[in-house]
């Protein structure tokens, strides 16, 4: 045996014969160990390969088990409309209601009613695209507005009626975005509605009179409570943050804010930092990195992506309908796409500088080109703009049809072409300028800005 090989052999035998000595050497190499693979490398680097064979097998099993548990945890943690409605103590309140849309706030536990679990209390938002006939029952438990505040006191009977109505539907997942957004198609359940009634409803698209008995059954053409058969689209936000809830609350009072650079630095910028801390933007990174919404992707470059916004609800199902069929589809009247920066840390247009001009120009050119190619919508019919403040604090650009005024209000929307020109005039344009926007008085940022202005008046020289 060669001298070096004999030395290694003796070291290995010494490690086996003296576990404490081997343990000390191994522990010294584990300071930077973070994964099972790191552990194996650390052990082998200390010349104890033979003693690691069984451990290697065990670690590999643990790695696979942890991966499986992580996957299972993600699957089980995703709430569905049905699991929420069936949870113990679920309560439904109406936020907004119209002939076509209903928004509900659901207060519920995280446990399962069927398993007798309670869990901690959570809030979810359920947005339904419905028909006028549902308006009476789904709007029966409204949150009441008193000036600048609202009362969330609930009518238990009305809440139960809403939940009982929705539990008679099956919710099929259409797509999902990030951790809390899910999109479903709700169809009447054959557990509650006889199949021949549903078949007749599908054929005739007519109103069918039904009456819910105390036992939950259905009797045709009885009673005064009527429901119209048919499916509707559902957007679920679960769990819903207070910010997401505020966005759909029926509060009307707002104030025009003139945000100076000083107010931005002292108030708004720290507020945005709190809103983007932790994992709050993981969902948008999942989209950027292709782990979510891959079927909605239109353009993918080194610096940005362009995809179909989930707000474009009339768009053909991207996972089922070929792109060839999207061209001049009837839904193009509702066109809504997003251009999203890949660079992290660019929260709003306040963070834009001259170096971003080439990316913004590419988003403008590539976006118009792909929209014309795929949807047949010419560039003079597309509005491209940025919100300040945006819905989420990772820089993105909106593409909509010119006739669609939603989100394009003068105190919120900023045209992309204007942004590019302003940055060409002054690389720090959006760092220096005062930006005006509308803000709800109930918004936390409003109070922070008011406090800052009061402090400035009280201490003018500070």
Protein backbone atom coordinates (compact mmCIF):
# COMPACT_ATOMS: atom_id res chain seq x y z
CA UNK A 1 0.00 0.00 0.00
CA UNK A 2 1.31 3.45 -0.89
CA UNK A 3 2.25 5.75 2.05
CA UNK A 4 -0.50 8.28 1.27
CA UNK A 5 -3.14 5.58 0.94
CA UNK A 6 -1.97 3.98 4.19
CA UNK A 7 -2.23 7.36 5.93
CA UNK A 8 -5.78 7.91 4.67
CA UNK A 9 -6.72 4.39 5.70
CA UNK A 10 -5.36 4.97 9.20
CA UNK A 11 -7.30 8.25 9.44
CA UNK A 12 -10.52 6.52 8.45
CA UNK A 13 -9.96 3.71 10.95
CA UNK A 14 -9.15 6.29 13.61
CA UNK A 15 -12.40 8.08 12.85
CA UNK A 16 -14.32 4.84 13.17
CA UNK A 17 -12.50 3.76 16.35
CA UNK A 18 -12.82 7.13 18.06
CA UNK A 19 -16.30 8.54 17.39
CA UNK A 20 -15.69 11.55 19.62
CA UNK A 21 -12.64 12.58 17.63
CA UNK A 22 -14.54 12.11 14.36
CA UNK A 23 -17.47 14.02 15.78
CA UNK A 24 -15.31 17.00 16.69
CA UNK A 25 -13.84 17.18 13.19
CA UNK A 26 -17.26 16.82 11.58
CA UNK A 27 -18.86 19.48 13.78
CA UNK A 28 -16.09 21.91 12.89
CA UNK A 29 -17.02 21.59 9.21
CA UNK A 30 -20.77 22.07 9.71
CA UNK A 31 -20.81 25.81 10.45
CA UNK A 32 -22.08 26.63 6.95
CA UNK A 33 -24.21 23.52 6.42
CA UNK A 34 -27.72 24.40 5.25
CA UNK A 35 -28.89 21.35 3.30
CA UNK A 36 -28.58 17.58 3.38
CA UNK A 37 -26.23 17.72 0.38
CA UNK A 38 -23.98 20.16 2.26
CA UNK A 39 -23.90 17.73 5.16
CA UNK A 40 -22.76 14.85 2.97
CA UNK A 41 -19.99 16.97 1.44
CA UNK A 42 -18.86 18.12 4.88
CA UNK A 43 -18.68 14.58 6.22
CA UNK A 44 -16.79 13.25 3.19
CA UNK A 45 -14.32 16.13 3.35
CA UNK A 46 -13.25 14.79 6.73
CA UNK A 47 -12.35 11.36 5.38
CA UNK A 48 -15.21 9.40 6.90
CA UNK A 49 -16.89 8.21 3.68
CA UNK A 50 -17.38 4.62 4.87
CA UNK A 51 -19.21 5.78 7.99
CA UNK A 52 -21.51 7.95 5.85
CA UNK A 53 -23.02 5.32 3.54
CA UNK A 54 -25.99 4.57 5.76
CA UNK A 55 -26.30 8.19 6.80
CA UNK A 56 -26.31 9.23 3.13
CA UNK A 57 -29.25 6.94 2.45
CA UNK A 58 -31.11 8.32 5.46
CA UNK A 59 -30.41 11.93 4.53
CA UNK A 60 -31.58 11.35 0.96
CA UNK A 61 -34.83 9.87 2.29
CA UNK A 62 -35.23 12.90 4.58
CA UNK A 63 -34.60 15.31 1.70
CA UNK A 64 -37.23 13.59 -0.45
CA UNK A 65 -39.63 13.44 2.49
CA UNK A 66 -39.17 17.16 3.27
CA UNK A 67 -39.73 18.03 -0.39
CA UNK A 68 -42.90 15.94 -0.45
CA UNK A 69 -44.12 17.49 2.80
CA UNK A 70 -43.46 21.00 1.44
CA UNK A 71 -45.46 20.17 -1.68
CA UNK A 72 -48.28 18.63 0.33
CA UNK A 73 -48.29 21.62 2.70
CA UNK A 74 -48.65 24.04 -0.22
CA UNK A 75 -51.48 22.00 -1.68
CA UNK A 76 -53.35 21.61 1.60
CA UNK A 77 -52.81 25.25 2.59
CA UNK A 78 -54.51 26.53 -0.55
CA UNK A 79 -58.08 27.32 0.38
CA UNK A 80 -60.94 26.80 -2.06
CA UNK A 81 -64.33 28.55 -2.01
CA UNK A 82 -65.95 25.30 -0.90
CA UNK A 83 -63.49 24.61 1.95
CA UNK A 84 -63.97 28.16 3.24
CA UNK A 85 -67.76 28.07 3.03
CA UNK A 86 -67.76 24.73 4.86
CA UNK A 87 -65.41 25.89 7.63
CA UNK A 88 -66.70 26.33 11.18
CA UNK A 89 -68.20 29.74 11.88
CA UNK A 90 -67.95 31.01 8.30
CA UNK A 91 -69.72 34.35 7.92
CA UNK A 92 -70.54 36.14 4.65
CA UNK A 93 -71.05 39.88 4.24
CA UNK A 94 -71.76 41.89 1.10
CA UNK A 95 -69.20 44.54 0.19
CA UNK A 96 -70.55 45.57 -3.21
CA UNK A 97 -73.45 44.38 -5.35
CA UNK A 98 -74.68 45.21 -8.86
CA UNK A 99 -76.58 43.42 -11.61
CA UNK A 100 -73.40 41.72 -12.85
CA UNK A 101 -70.96 41.68 -9.92
CA UNK A 102 -71.02 40.82 -6.24
CA UNK A 103 -68.09 41.08 -3.80
CA UNK A 104 -68.33 39.20 -0.51
CA UNK A 105 -66.18 39.32 2.61
CA UNK A 106 -65.84 35.91 4.27
CA UNK A 107 -64.76 35.61 7.91
CA UNK A 108 -63.86 32.03 8.67
CA UNK A 109 -61.70 29.62 10.62
CA UNK A 110 -58.82 27.72 9.08
CA UNK A 111 -60.10 24.36 10.30
CA UNK A 112 -62.50 21.95 8.67
CA UNK A 113 -66.09 21.73 9.85
CA UNK A 114 -66.23 18.13 8.68
CA UNK A 115 -63.26 17.22 10.91
CA UNK A 116 -64.44 19.41 13.78
CA UNK A 117 -61.43 21.75 13.53
CA UNK A 118 -61.64 25.45 14.30
CA UNK A 119 -58.24 27.00 13.59
CA UNK A 120 -57.49 30.72 13.75
CA UNK A 121 -59.76 33.26 12.10
CA UNK A 122 -59.01 34.45 8.58
CA UNK A 123 -60.63 36.75 6.03
CA UNK A 124 -61.17 36.05 2.35
CA UNK A 125 -62.70 37.98 -0.54
CA UNK A 126 -65.04 36.32 -3.03
CA UNK A 127 -65.77 38.20 -6.26
CA UNK A 128 -68.64 36.79 -8.31
CA UNK A 129 -69.59 37.63 -11.88
CA UNK A 130 -73.29 36.85 -11.77
CA UNK A 131 -76.67 37.63 -13.30
CA UNK A 132 -79.23 40.12 -11.91
CA UNK A 133 -81.37 37.36 -10.42
CA UNK A 134 -78.79 36.59 -7.69
CA UNK A 135 -78.69 40.19 -6.51
CA UNK A 136 -81.38 39.89 -3.83
CA UNK A 137 -79.86 37.01 -1.86
CA UNK A 138 -76.16 37.85 -2.35
CA UNK A 139 -76.72 41.49 -1.42
CA UNK A 140 -78.79 40.72 1.67
CA UNK A 141 -76.05 41.24 4.29
CA UNK A 142 -74.34 44.53 3.42
CA UNK A 143 -71.54 46.17 5.37
CA UNK A 144 -72.93 49.55 6.45
CA UNK A 145 -71.06 52.78 5.78
CA UNK A 146 -71.13 55.58 8.36
CA UNK A 147 -69.27 58.59 7.01
CA UNK A 148 -65.61 57.60 6.87
CA UNK A 149 -66.02 54.32 8.75
CA UNK A 150 -67.99 51.17 8.20
CA UNK A 151 -69.76 48.68 10.42
CA UNK A 152 -68.95 45.02 9.89
CA UNK A 153 -71.82 43.81 12.07
CA UNK A 154 -73.42 40.86 10.36
CA UNK A 155 -76.98 39.57 10.13
CA UNK A 156 -76.53 35.85 10.98
CA UNK A 157 -79.62 34.74 9.05
CA UNK A 158 -78.70 36.67 5.90
CA UNK A 159 -75.13 35.39 6.16
CA UNK A 160 -76.34 31.81 6.41
CA UNK A 161 -78.65 32.28 3.42
CA UNK A 162 -75.72 33.48 1.30
CA UNK A 163 -73.51 30.59 2.39
CA UNK A 164 -76.28 28.02 1.88
CA UNK A 165 -76.87 29.37 -1.62
CA UNK A 166 -73.17 29.15 -2.57
CA UNK A 167 -72.79 25.67 -1.09
CA UNK A 168 -75.19 24.42 -3.74
CA UNK A 169 -72.49 25.05 -6.36
CA UNK A 170 -69.38 23.16 -7.40
CA UNK A 171 -66.24 25.29 -7.82
CA UNK A 172 -63.84 24.19 -10.54
CA UNK A 173 -60.37 25.76 -10.54
CA UNK A 174 -59.61 27.62 -13.78
CA UNK A 175 -56.28 29.21 -12.88
CA UNK A 176 -54.32 30.59 -9.96
CA UNK A 177 -51.90 33.43 -9.40
CA UNK A 178 -49.45 33.51 -6.52
CA UNK A 179 -50.35 32.33 -3.06
CA UNK A 180 -53.73 33.95 -2.47
CA UNK A 181 -55.45 34.39 -5.85
CA UNK A 182 -57.61 31.67 -7.40
CA UNK A 183 -60.09 31.75 -10.29
CA UNK A 184 -63.00 29.34 -10.44
CA UNK A 185 -66.08 28.48 -12.44
CA UNK A 186 -69.14 27.85 -10.25
CA UNK A 187 -71.75 25.41 -11.57
CA UNK A 188 -74.93 24.14 -9.87
CA UNK A 189 -74.20 20.94 -7.97
CA UNK A 190 -76.06 17.77 -8.86
CA UNK A 191 -76.05 16.98 -5.13
CA UNK A 192 -78.74 19.61 -4.68
CA UNK A 193 -80.30 20.13 -8.11
CA UNK A 194 -81.72 17.13 -10.05
CA UNK A 195 -79.82 16.53 -13.28
CA UNK A 196 -82.92 16.85 -15.46
CA UNK A 197 -83.53 20.36 -14.09
CA UNK A 198 -79.95 21.37 -14.90
CA UNK A 199 -80.22 19.83 -18.35
CA UNK A 200 -83.42 21.74 -19.07
CA UNK A 201 -81.83 24.95 -17.80
CA UNK A 202 -78.84 24.48 -20.11
CA UNK A 203 -81.08 23.80 -23.11
CA UNK A 204 -83.59 26.55 -22.59
CA UNK A 205 -81.47 29.11 -20.70
CA UNK A 206 -84.70 29.91 -18.93
CA UNK A 207 -85.62 30.82 -15.39
CA UNK A 208 -86.49 27.84 -13.22
CA UNK A 209 -88.46 28.36 -10.07
CA UNK A 210 -87.20 26.40 -7.13
CA UNK A 211 -87.78 26.33 -3.41
CA UNK A 212 -85.26 25.24 -0.80
CA UNK A 213 -86.81 23.04 1.87
CA UNK A 214 -85.48 22.92 5.43
CA UNK A 215 -83.83 19.60 4.57
CA UNK A 216 -81.88 21.27 1.77
CA UNK A 217 -83.77 19.56 -1.05
CA UNK A 218 -85.25 21.16 -4.14
CA UNK A 219 -88.89 21.15 -5.18
CA UNK A 220 -89.77 22.54 -8.60
CA UNK A 221 -92.21 25.41 -9.09
CA UNK A 222 -92.95 25.92 -5.41
CA UNK A 223 -92.68 28.85 -3.05
CA UNK A 224 -91.81 32.46 -3.56
CA UNK A 225 -88.00 32.17 -3.42
CA UNK A 226 -86.65 31.91 -6.92
CA UNK A 227 -83.16 31.19 -8.20
CA UNK A 228 -81.92 31.17 -11.76
CA UNK A 229 -79.88 28.17 -12.82
CA UNK A 230 -76.57 28.84 -14.45
CA UNK A 231 -72.84 29.14 -13.91
CA UNK A 232 -70.80 32.16 -12.89
CA UNK A 233 -67.13 33.08 -12.57
CA UNK A 234 -65.49 33.44 -9.17
CA UNK A 235 -62.29 35.14 -8.02
CA UNK A 236 -61.05 34.10 -4.57
CA UNK A 237 -58.50 36.06 -2.56
CA UNK A 238 -57.51 33.98 0.46
CA UNK A 239 -56.16 34.94 2.85
CA UNK A 240 -57.09 38.57 2.16
CA UNK A 241 -55.01 41.32 3.76
CA UNK A 242 -56.56 44.43 5.26
CA UNK A 243 -55.19 46.38 2.30
CA UNK A 244 -56.98 44.08 -0.15
CA UNK A 245 -60.18 44.37 1.88
CA UNK A 246 -59.94 48.16 1.98
CA UNK A 247 -59.71 48.23 -1.81
CA UNK A 248 -63.18 46.69 -2.15
CA UNK A 249 -64.83 48.32 0.86
CA UNK A 250 -67.81 50.58 0.02
CA UNK A 251 -66.10 53.75 1.21
CA UNK A 252 -66.51 56.77 -1.02
CA UNK A 253 -64.73 59.66 0.71
CA UNK A 254 -61.29 60.43 -0.70
CA UNK A 255 -58.78 63.24 -0.64
CA UNK A 256 -56.42 64.62 -3.28
CA UNK A 257 -52.85 64.21 -2.04
CA UNK A 258 -50.02 66.41 -3.32
CA UNK A 259 -47.04 64.23 -2.52
CA UNK A 260 -43.85 66.30 -2.45
CA UNK A 261 -40.41 64.66 -2.63
CA UNK A 262 -40.05 65.32 1.12
CA UNK A 263 -43.34 63.60 1.95
CA UNK A 264 -42.32 60.70 -0.27
CA UNK A 265 -38.95 60.27 1.47
CA UNK A 266 -40.30 60.73 5.01
CA UNK A 267 -43.63 58.94 4.75
CA UNK A 268 -44.46 57.12 1.52
CA UNK A 269 -41.14 55.38 0.95
CA UNK A 270 -41.03 53.87 4.47
CA UNK A 271 -44.68 52.83 4.07
CA UNK A 272 -43.91 51.06 0.77
CA UNK A 273 -40.99 49.31 2.42
CA UNK A 274 -43.30 47.85 5.06
CA UNK A 275 -45.71 46.72 2.34
CA UNK A 276 -42.96 44.90 0.40
CA UNK A 277 -41.20 43.25 3.33
CA UNK A 278 -41.14 39.50 3.90
CA UNK A 279 -42.77 37.32 1.27
CA UNK A 280 -45.52 39.72 0.20
CA UNK A 281 -44.21 39.84 -3.41
CA UNK A 282 -43.34 36.16 -3.78
CA UNK A 283 -46.39 35.66 -5.98
CA UNK A 284 -45.15 38.14 -8.58
CA UNK A 285 -41.71 36.50 -8.57
CA UNK A 286 -43.42 33.17 -9.23
CA UNK A 287 -44.96 34.71 -12.35
CA UNK A 288 -41.72 36.37 -13.49
CA UNK A 289 -39.73 33.16 -13.03
CA UNK A 290 -42.33 31.03 -14.82
CA UNK A 291 -43.57 28.99 -11.88
CA UNK A 292 -47.07 30.46 -12.21
CA UNK A 293 -49.27 31.67 -15.08
CA UNK A 294 -46.98 30.27 -17.77
CA UNK A 295 -50.01 29.86 -20.03
CA UNK A 296 -50.66 33.63 -19.83
CA UNK A 297 -47.17 34.65 -20.96
CA UNK A 298 -46.99 36.74 -24.16
CA UNK A 299 -43.44 38.17 -24.09
CA UNK A 300 -40.39 37.11 -22.06
CA UNK A 301 -37.12 39.08 -22.25
CA UNK A 302 -34.11 39.51 -19.97
CA UNK A 303 -35.58 42.63 -18.39
CA UNK A 304 -39.38 42.24 -18.48
CA UNK A 305 -42.35 40.03 -19.29
CA UNK A 306 -45.74 40.82 -20.78
CA UNK A 307 -48.67 38.63 -19.81
CA UNK A 308 -52.46 38.50 -19.82
CA UNK A 309 -53.79 40.22 -16.73
CA UNK A 310 -56.12 38.06 -14.64
CA UNK A 311 -58.57 40.99 -14.63
CA UNK A 312 -59.24 40.19 -18.30
CA UNK A 313 -61.89 37.68 -17.28
CA UNK A 314 -63.55 37.36 -20.68
CA UNK A 315 -60.31 36.15 -22.28
CA UNK A 316 -60.50 32.60 -23.69
CA UNK A 317 -59.00 30.05 -21.31
CA UNK A 318 -55.26 30.22 -22.19
CA UNK A 319 -54.73 26.62 -21.11
CA UNK A 320 -57.44 25.28 -23.43
CA UNK A 321 -57.89 27.66 -26.36
CA UNK A 322 -55.09 28.05 -28.93
CA UNK A 323 -53.59 31.48 -29.59
CA UNK A 324 -54.80 31.34 -33.19
CA UNK A 325 -58.36 31.59 -31.84
CA UNK A 326 -57.54 34.67 -29.78
CA UNK A 327 -57.14 36.82 -32.89
CA UNK A 328 -60.07 39.26 -33.15
CA UNK A 329 -61.93 37.24 -30.52
CA UNK A 330 -65.03 38.96 -29.14
CA UNK A 331 -63.25 39.40 -25.80
CA UNK A 332 -60.64 41.79 -27.22
CA UNK A 333 -62.98 44.66 -26.28
CA UNK A 334 -61.88 43.94 -22.68
CA UNK A 335 -58.16 43.73 -23.49
CA UNK A 336 -55.98 43.93 -20.38
CA UNK A 337 -52.30 42.98 -20.33
CA UNK A 338 -49.42 43.74 -17.98
CA UNK A 339 -45.76 44.51 -18.63
CA UNK A 340 -43.74 43.59 -15.53
CA UNK A 341 -40.15 44.56 -14.71
CA UNK A 342 -37.87 41.69 -13.72
CA UNK A 343 -35.60 43.96 -11.69
CA UNK A 344 -36.41 43.85 -7.99
CA UNK A 345 -36.62 46.98 -5.88
CA UNK A 346 -38.39 49.13 -8.51
CA UNK A 347 -41.64 49.62 -6.64
CA UNK A 348 -43.21 52.63 -8.41
CA UNK A 349 -42.47 55.27 -11.02
CA UNK A 350 -40.71 57.19 -8.23
CA UNK A 351 -37.85 54.66 -8.60
CA UNK A 352 -37.44 55.12 -12.36
CA UNK A 353 -34.25 56.71 -13.68
CA UNK A 354 -32.70 57.38 -17.10
CA UNK A 355 -31.18 53.86 -17.17
CA UNK A 356 -34.70 52.42 -17.33
CA UNK A 357 -35.60 54.26 -20.56
CA UNK A 358 -34.50 51.42 -22.91
CA UNK A 359 -36.60 48.88 -20.97
CA UNK A 360 -39.64 51.16 -20.97
CA UNK A 361 -39.25 51.74 -24.71
CA UNK A 362 -39.03 48.00 -25.33
CA UNK A 363 -42.14 47.34 -23.27
CA UNK A 364 -43.96 49.97 -25.34
CA UNK A 365 -42.82 48.64 -28.74
CA UNK A 366 -42.97 44.90 -27.96
CA UNK A 367 -46.30 45.22 -26.18
CA UNK A 368 -48.02 46.97 -29.09
CA UNK A 369 -46.48 44.53 -31.55
CA UNK A 370 -47.61 41.37 -29.74
CA UNK A 371 -51.10 42.75 -29.07
CA UNK A 372 -51.52 43.51 -32.78
CA UNK A 373 -50.15 40.11 -33.79
CA UNK A 374 -52.14 37.96 -31.35
CA UNK A 375 -55.34 39.95 -30.89
CA UNK A 376 -55.55 42.11 -34.01
CA UNK A 377 -55.82 45.34 -32.01
CA UNK A 378 -53.96 48.24 -33.64
CA UNK A 379 -51.60 50.43 -31.66
CA UNK A 380 -53.80 53.52 -31.92
CA UNK A 381 -56.49 51.64 -29.96
CA UNK A 382 -54.26 50.72 -27.00
CA UNK A 383 -53.60 52.81 -23.92
CA UNK A 384 -50.31 52.09 -22.08
CA UNK A 385 -50.00 53.59 -18.64
CA UNK A 386 -48.68 53.26 -15.10
CA UNK A 387 -50.56 53.69 -11.83
CA UNK A 388 -49.38 55.80 -8.94
CA UNK A 389 -50.06 54.40 -6.44
CA UNK A 390 -50.14 50.92 -7.96
CA UNK A 391 -52.11 47.93 -6.74
CA UNK A 392 -48.88 46.15 -5.81
CA UNK A 393 -45.41 47.60 -5.30
CA UNK A 394 -43.41 45.92 -8.05
CA UNK A 395 -43.17 48.10 -11.15
CA UNK A 396 -45.62 47.16 -13.90
CA UNK A 397 -47.30 48.72 -16.93
CA UNK A 398 -50.94 48.39 -18.02
CA UNK A 399 -52.21 47.77 -21.57
CA UNK A 400 -55.94 48.41 -22.14
CA UNK A 401 -58.27 49.37 -24.96
CA UNK A 402 -58.66 53.09 -25.53
CA UNK A 403 -62.40 53.02 -24.76
CA UNK A 404 -61.78 51.39 -21.37
CA UNK A 405 -61.51 54.21 -18.82
CA UNK A 406 -61.08 51.98 -15.75
CA UNK A 407 -57.90 52.89 -13.88
CA UNK A 408 -57.06 55.67 -16.33
CA UNK A 409 -58.22 58.59 -14.18
CA UNK A 410 -56.04 61.67 -14.53
CA UNK A 411 -55.07 61.60 -10.83
CA UNK A 412 -53.83 58.01 -11.03
CA UNK A 413 -52.76 57.05 -14.55
CA UNK A 414 -49.47 58.17 -16.15
CA UNK A 415 -48.99 57.44 -19.86
CA UNK A 416 -45.87 55.41 -20.61
CA UNK A 417 -44.84 57.70 -23.47
CA UNK A 418 -44.99 60.70 -21.09
CA UNK A 419 -42.88 58.84 -18.52
CA UNK A 420 -40.20 58.12 -21.15
CA UNK A 421 -40.14 61.74 -22.32
CA UNK A 422 -39.92 63.06 -18.75
CA UNK A 423 -36.96 60.80 -17.94
CA UNK A 424 -35.21 61.98 -21.12
CA UNK A 425 -35.67 65.59 -20.00
CA UNK A 426 -34.42 64.85 -16.47
CA UNK A 427 -33.00 61.48 -15.33
CA UNK A 428 -34.29 62.21 -11.78
CA UNK A 429 -37.64 63.62 -12.89
CA UNK A 430 -39.80 61.37 -10.68
CA UNK A 431 -37.47 61.72 -7.74
CA UNK A 432 -37.86 65.52 -7.79
CA UNK A 433 -41.45 66.22 -8.75
CA UNK A 434 -44.62 66.55 -6.69
CA UNK A 435 -47.10 63.86 -7.69
CA UNK A 436 -50.83 64.24 -7.05
CA UNK A 437 -53.17 61.31 -6.53
CA UNK A 438 -56.49 60.39 -4.93
CA UNK A 439 -56.38 58.49 -1.65
CA UNK A 440 -59.16 57.12 0.50
CA UNK A 441 -59.39 58.82 3.87
CA UNK A 442 -59.55 55.40 5.51
CA UNK A 443 -56.20 54.38 3.97
CA UNK A 444 -53.33 54.09 6.50
CA UNK A 445 -51.06 56.16 4.26
CA UNK A 446 -53.52 59.07 4.46
CA UNK A 447 -53.15 59.31 8.23
CA UNK A 448 -49.36 59.03 7.99
CA UNK A 449 -49.26 61.91 5.49
CA UNK A 450 -51.63 64.00 7.62
CA UNK A 451 -49.44 63.44 10.68
CA UNK A 452 -46.34 64.46 8.71
CA UNK A 453 -48.01 67.67 7.51
CA UNK A 454 -49.17 68.52 11.03
CA UNK A 455 -45.63 68.00 12.34
CA UNK A 456 -44.27 70.25 9.60
CA UNK A 457 -46.70 73.03 10.59
CA UNK A 458 -45.86 72.65 14.27
CA UNK A 459 -42.12 72.56 13.63
CA UNK A 460 -41.51 74.67 10.50
CA UNK A 461 -37.72 74.81 10.97
CA UNK A 462 -37.19 71.12 11.71
